[in-house]
Protein backbone atom coordinates (compact mmCIF):
# COMPACT_ATOMS: atom_id res chain seq x y z
CA UNK A 1 136.44 120.56 78.30
CA UNK A 2 137.75 117.42 76.62
CA UNK A 3 137.78 114.04 78.38
CA UNK A 4 141.20 113.45 79.92
CA UNK A 5 143.82 112.44 77.35
CA UNK A 6 141.60 113.26 74.38
CA UNK A 7 142.99 115.17 71.40
CA UNK A 8 141.08 116.77 68.53
CA UNK A 9 142.38 116.39 65.00
CA UNK A 10 141.39 117.39 61.47
CA UNK A 11 141.73 114.42 59.13
CA UNK A 12 141.18 114.31 55.37
CA UNK A 13 138.59 111.62 54.62
CA UNK A 14 136.84 110.97 51.32
CA UNK A 15 137.20 114.52 50.07
CA UNK A 16 136.31 116.38 53.27
CA UNK A 17 138.04 117.44 56.48
CA UNK A 18 136.68 115.42 59.40
CA UNK A 19 136.86 116.58 62.99
CA UNK A 20 137.72 113.64 65.22
CA UNK A 21 138.44 113.13 68.91
CA UNK A 22 140.96 110.39 69.70
CA UNK A 23 142.08 108.92 72.99
CA UNK A 24 143.46 105.70 74.48
CA UNK A 25 145.49 102.82 73.12
CA UNK A 26 144.61 99.31 72.09
CA UNK A 27 142.20 97.80 69.57
CA UNK A 28 140.29 100.58 67.85
CA UNK A 29 136.67 101.42 68.60
CA UNK A 30 134.94 103.79 66.16
CA UNK A 31 131.89 105.60 67.58
CA UNK A 32 129.39 107.17 65.16
CA UNK A 33 126.83 109.63 66.57
CA UNK A 34 123.42 110.77 65.29
CA UNK A 35 121.13 113.82 65.39
CA UNK A 36 121.26 116.31 67.06
CA UNK A 37 124.66 115.30 68.34
CA UNK A 38 128.39 115.66 67.80
CA UNK A 39 131.26 113.45 68.94
CA UNK A 40 130.52 114.72 72.47
CA UNK A 41 127.56 112.34 72.59
CA UNK A 42 130.10 109.77 73.77
CA UNK A 43 131.70 111.92 76.49
CA UNK A 44 130.46 109.82 79.40
CA UNK A 45 131.77 106.49 78.06
CA UNK A 46 135.00 107.58 76.37
CA UNK A 47 137.13 107.39 79.56
CA UNK A 48 136.01 103.84 80.36
CA UNK A 49 136.50 102.60 76.81
CA UNK A 50 139.89 104.32 76.56
CA UNK A 51 141.26 102.18 79.37
CA UNK A 52 141.26 99.27 76.91
CA UNK A 53 140.91 100.75 73.42
CA UNK A 54 141.93 103.47 71.04
CA UNK A 55 138.65 105.38 70.90
CA UNK A 56 137.91 107.26 67.68
CA UNK A 57 134.91 109.60 67.75
CA UNK A 58 134.37 111.73 64.63
CA UNK A 59 131.77 114.34 63.85
CA UNK A 60 129.77 112.94 60.94
CA UNK A 61 129.94 114.67 57.57
CA UNK A 62 128.35 118.12 57.76
CA UNK A 63 127.77 117.93 61.52
CA UNK A 64 129.73 119.49 64.35
CA UNK A 65 133.09 120.72 63.10
CA UNK A 66 133.36 118.35 60.13
CA UNK A 67 133.08 119.69 56.59
CA UNK A 68 129.84 119.30 54.67
CA UNK A 69 129.24 118.10 51.15
CA UNK A 70 129.11 120.17 48.00
CA UNK A 71 125.87 122.15 47.72
CA UNK A 72 123.96 121.55 44.50
CA UNK A 73 121.32 124.26 44.82
CA UNK A 74 120.19 127.00 47.15
CA UNK A 75 116.45 127.27 46.46
CA UNK A 76 115.66 123.66 47.27
CA UNK A 77 118.40 123.12 49.80
CA UNK A 78 119.60 120.09 47.85
CA UNK A 79 122.93 118.72 49.00
CA UNK A 80 124.80 115.75 47.61
CA UNK A 81 126.75 113.20 49.63
CA UNK A 82 124.79 112.62 52.83
CA UNK A 83 123.62 109.10 52.09
CA UNK A 84 124.72 106.33 54.43
CA UNK A 85 126.96 104.77 51.78
CA UNK A 86 129.00 107.96 51.39
CA UNK A 87 129.32 108.26 55.16
CA UNK A 88 130.43 104.63 55.37
CA UNK A 89 133.19 105.51 52.89
CA UNK A 90 134.06 108.47 55.16
CA UNK A 91 134.40 106.08 58.09
CA UNK A 92 136.62 103.68 56.16
CA UNK A 93 138.80 106.58 54.98
CA UNK A 94 139.13 107.74 58.59
CA UNK A 95 140.37 104.30 59.65
CA UNK A 96 142.86 104.42 56.76
CA UNK A 97 144.10 107.88 57.72
CA UNK A 98 144.61 106.79 61.34
CA UNK A 99 146.41 103.59 60.39
CA UNK A 100 143.70 101.25 61.72
CA UNK A 101 143.11 98.16 59.56
CA UNK A 102 139.91 97.33 61.48
CA UNK A 103 137.79 98.44 64.40
CA UNK A 104 134.79 97.64 66.50
CA UNK A 105 132.23 100.02 65.00
CA UNK A 106 129.41 101.46 67.10
CA UNK A 107 126.59 103.51 65.57
CA UNK A 108 123.50 105.13 67.05
CA UNK A 109 120.63 106.96 65.33
CA UNK A 110 121.95 108.37 62.01
CA UNK A 111 125.27 106.64 62.67
CA UNK A 112 123.73 103.15 62.73
CA UNK A 113 122.99 102.83 58.99
CA UNK A 114 126.52 104.10 58.34
CA UNK A 115 128.03 101.43 60.58
CA UNK A 116 125.74 98.80 59.04
CA UNK A 117 126.78 99.59 55.47
CA UNK A 118 130.47 99.69 56.39
CA UNK A 119 130.12 96.23 57.92
CA UNK A 120 128.17 94.88 54.95
CA UNK A 121 130.40 96.36 52.25
CA UNK A 122 133.78 96.06 53.98
CA UNK A 123 133.45 93.25 56.54
CA UNK A 124 137.20 92.95 56.94
CA UNK A 125 137.30 96.44 58.43
CA UNK A 126 134.71 95.71 61.15
CA UNK A 127 135.75 93.28 63.88
CA UNK A 128 132.54 93.69 65.84
CA UNK A 129 129.43 95.76 65.19
CA UNK A 130 127.15 97.54 67.67
CA UNK A 131 123.96 99.27 66.47
CA UNK A 132 121.70 101.28 68.76
CA UNK A 133 118.34 103.04 68.68
CA UNK A 134 117.86 103.26 64.94
CA UNK A 135 115.96 101.76 62.06
CA UNK A 136 117.61 100.32 58.98
CA UNK A 137 115.64 101.70 56.07
CA UNK A 138 112.52 99.69 55.37
CA UNK A 139 113.89 96.27 56.33
CA UNK A 140 111.16 94.04 57.83
CA UNK A 141 110.73 94.13 61.60
CA UNK A 142 110.21 97.81 62.32
CA UNK A 143 106.44 97.78 61.97
CA UNK A 144 104.88 101.18 61.32
CA UNK A 145 107.29 103.12 63.55
CA UNK A 146 107.94 106.53 61.95
CA UNK A 147 108.94 109.49 64.16
CA UNK A 148 107.19 112.73 63.19
CA UNK A 149 110.42 114.67 62.63
CA UNK A 150 111.56 112.38 59.82
CA UNK A 151 108.99 113.91 57.50
CA UNK A 152 109.54 117.45 58.76
CA UNK A 153 113.30 117.23 58.22
CA UNK A 154 112.90 115.65 54.80
CA UNK A 155 111.09 118.52 53.07
CA UNK A 156 113.79 120.56 51.27
CA UNK A 157 114.16 124.04 52.71
CA UNK A 158 111.32 123.80 55.22
CA UNK A 159 112.78 122.90 58.62
CA UNK A 160 115.77 125.24 58.42
CA UNK A 161 113.47 128.13 57.47
CA UNK A 162 111.07 127.45 60.34
CA UNK A 163 113.73 126.75 62.97
CA UNK A 164 116.37 129.42 62.34
CA UNK A 165 116.39 131.56 65.45
CA UNK A 166 114.79 128.78 67.53
CA UNK A 167 117.57 126.21 67.36
CA UNK A 168 118.11 126.01 71.13
CA UNK A 169 114.45 125.27 71.86
CA UNK A 170 114.36 122.58 69.17
CA UNK A 171 117.57 120.87 70.26
CA UNK A 172 116.47 121.02 73.91
CA UNK A 173 113.26 119.18 73.00
CA UNK A 174 115.25 116.27 71.57
CA UNK A 175 117.66 116.21 74.51
CA UNK A 176 114.82 116.22 77.03
CA UNK A 177 112.72 113.64 75.20
CA UNK A 178 115.78 111.50 74.50
CA UNK A 179 116.61 111.23 78.20
CA UNK A 180 113.02 110.86 79.46
CA UNK A 181 113.17 114.32 81.03
CA UNK A 182 116.53 113.95 82.76
CA UNK A 183 118.49 116.13 80.33
CA UNK A 184 122.20 116.04 79.49
CA UNK A 185 125.21 117.80 81.07
CA UNK A 186 125.10 121.53 80.36
CA UNK A 187 128.47 121.68 78.54
CA UNK A 188 127.36 118.89 76.21
CA UNK A 189 123.99 120.55 75.64
CA UNK A 190 125.66 123.85 74.83
CA UNK A 191 128.03 122.16 72.37
CA UNK A 192 125.10 120.52 70.59
CA UNK A 193 123.15 123.78 70.36
CA UNK A 194 126.19 125.62 69.01
CA UNK A 195 126.79 122.92 66.39
CA UNK A 196 123.22 123.16 65.04
CA UNK A 197 122.74 126.93 65.13
CA UNK A 198 122.26 128.78 61.84
CA UNK A 199 120.47 127.93 58.62
CA UNK A 200 123.57 126.40 57.01
CA UNK A 201 124.19 124.08 59.96
CA UNK A 202 120.53 123.06 59.98
CA UNK A 203 120.49 122.45 56.23
CA UNK A 204 123.51 120.18 56.49
CA UNK A 205 121.88 118.26 59.33
CA UNK A 206 118.56 117.82 57.55
CA UNK A 207 120.35 116.75 54.36
CA UNK A 208 120.98 113.41 56.12
CA UNK A 209 117.21 112.92 56.29
CA UNK A 210 116.71 114.12 52.72
CA UNK A 211 119.14 111.41 51.61
CA UNK A 212 117.10 108.75 53.43
CA UNK A 213 115.56 107.24 50.24
CA UNK A 214 119.05 106.70 48.82
CA UNK A 215 120.28 105.26 52.12
CA UNK A 216 117.26 102.94 52.32
CA UNK A 217 117.97 101.63 48.83
CA UNK A 218 121.61 101.03 49.76
CA UNK A 219 120.56 99.15 52.89
CA UNK A 220 118.14 96.94 50.98
CA UNK A 221 120.69 96.17 48.28
CA UNK A 222 123.22 95.17 50.93
CA UNK A 223 120.72 93.01 52.80
CA UNK A 224 119.67 91.29 49.58
CA UNK A 225 123.21 90.24 48.71
CA UNK A 226 125.19 90.01 51.95
CA UNK A 227 124.97 88.97 55.58
CA UNK A 228 126.55 90.39 58.71
CA UNK A 229 129.16 87.78 59.55
CA UNK A 230 130.93 89.50 62.45
CA UNK A 231 129.62 89.39 66.04
CA UNK A 232 126.86 92.00 66.20
CA UNK A 233 124.98 93.58 69.09
CA UNK A 234 121.70 95.50 68.86
CA UNK A 235 120.86 97.78 71.78
CA UNK A 236 117.45 99.36 72.19
CA UNK A 237 115.79 101.71 74.63
CA UNK A 238 112.81 104.04 74.27
CA UNK A 239 111.33 104.51 71.69
CA UNK A 240 112.95 102.04 69.26
CA UNK A 241 113.06 99.11 71.67
CA UNK A 242 113.71 95.76 69.95
CA UNK A 243 112.69 96.86 66.44
CA UNK A 244 116.32 97.12 65.31
CA UNK A 245 117.07 93.65 66.65
CA UNK A 246 114.09 92.30 64.70
CA UNK A 247 115.39 93.93 61.51
CA UNK A 248 118.84 92.44 62.01
CA UNK A 249 117.90 88.91 63.07
CA UNK A 250 117.27 87.45 59.55
CA UNK A 251 120.52 88.82 58.07
CA UNK A 252 122.99 88.35 60.94
CA UNK A 253 125.00 85.23 61.75
CA UNK A 254 125.87 86.10 65.37
CA UNK A 255 123.46 88.58 66.98
CA UNK A 256 123.04 89.59 70.60
CA UNK A 257 120.17 91.84 71.58
CA UNK A 258 119.68 94.05 74.63
CA UNK A 259 116.96 96.49 75.64
CA UNK A 260 117.95 98.92 78.39
CA UNK A 261 115.13 99.65 80.82
CA UNK A 262 114.38 103.18 82.02
CA UNK A 263 116.44 104.68 79.23
CA UNK A 264 115.70 107.22 76.54
CA UNK A 265 116.90 107.31 72.96
CA UNK A 266 120.20 109.03 73.80
CA UNK A 267 121.65 105.97 75.51
CA UNK A 268 125.29 107.16 75.86
CA UNK A 269 124.22 110.22 77.85
CA UNK A 270 121.08 108.90 79.55
CA UNK A 271 122.37 105.54 80.80
CA UNK A 272 126.15 105.40 80.34
CA UNK A 273 126.22 103.24 83.47
CA UNK A 274 124.30 100.54 81.58
CA UNK A 275 125.90 101.03 78.16
CA UNK A 276 129.58 100.97 79.12
CA UNK A 277 129.54 97.47 80.69
CA UNK A 278 127.76 96.11 77.60
CA UNK A 279 130.37 97.62 75.28
CA UNK A 280 133.34 96.53 77.39
CA UNK A 281 132.10 92.95 77.62
CA UNK A 282 131.36 92.82 73.90
CA UNK A 283 134.64 94.35 72.70
CA UNK A 284 137.01 92.27 74.81
């Protein structure tokens, strides 16, 4: 079931067809999800945001119902076009297609580097920036934090071979850990499991991790030559905490940081009651 007033559309963006949910009127807010999510990650906060904003929630390239990139090889599972810079171009093309000259851009997990690069490369398109529960490449401030699944997902061909047939158990682990055991609504959980079932779906998802060295280089190049000039908010929970804020502090002109207590990694589903007021206050 869609949130009230929400419509799903297929939009051509940067050479692919992007699945996007749209609702509300007013200044645009673009919400970018992570792994193992789809646009439904934002289901609990869409209605509140839509009272004041046009809320745009796409499935990222290759995830959910959005098209993937061109496959370069089968044996190694190599796929081109999943670096954060390409996805930032996807996001800008989506704003173009929807007639939005700018937006508040919100990114979590895999979506945060995308939002960061869009803001760095095209600052006129990003009125305000919100980044949550993510690390930005190897920028200083993160310490030695390195989740175990980053390496597992990064080995070409491995994770999809091991996990095919066990997708539900794997996704459930992330959803349970990411909400400190509380879980997510069953319809949302089922949508996530469906979106990541099958070796092709898994390969597309893990291609985001396999592009991480390229994304990290793009992030460092941006940080070496630009600053975030728009109002920016960093939101942490468990396990990232304030590491993202520490990465952003040296390269951001106007930064606000928050850490939400008693909250897992999947902030929009674990503590929407805490997240929505922060977003509403920041975007007004």
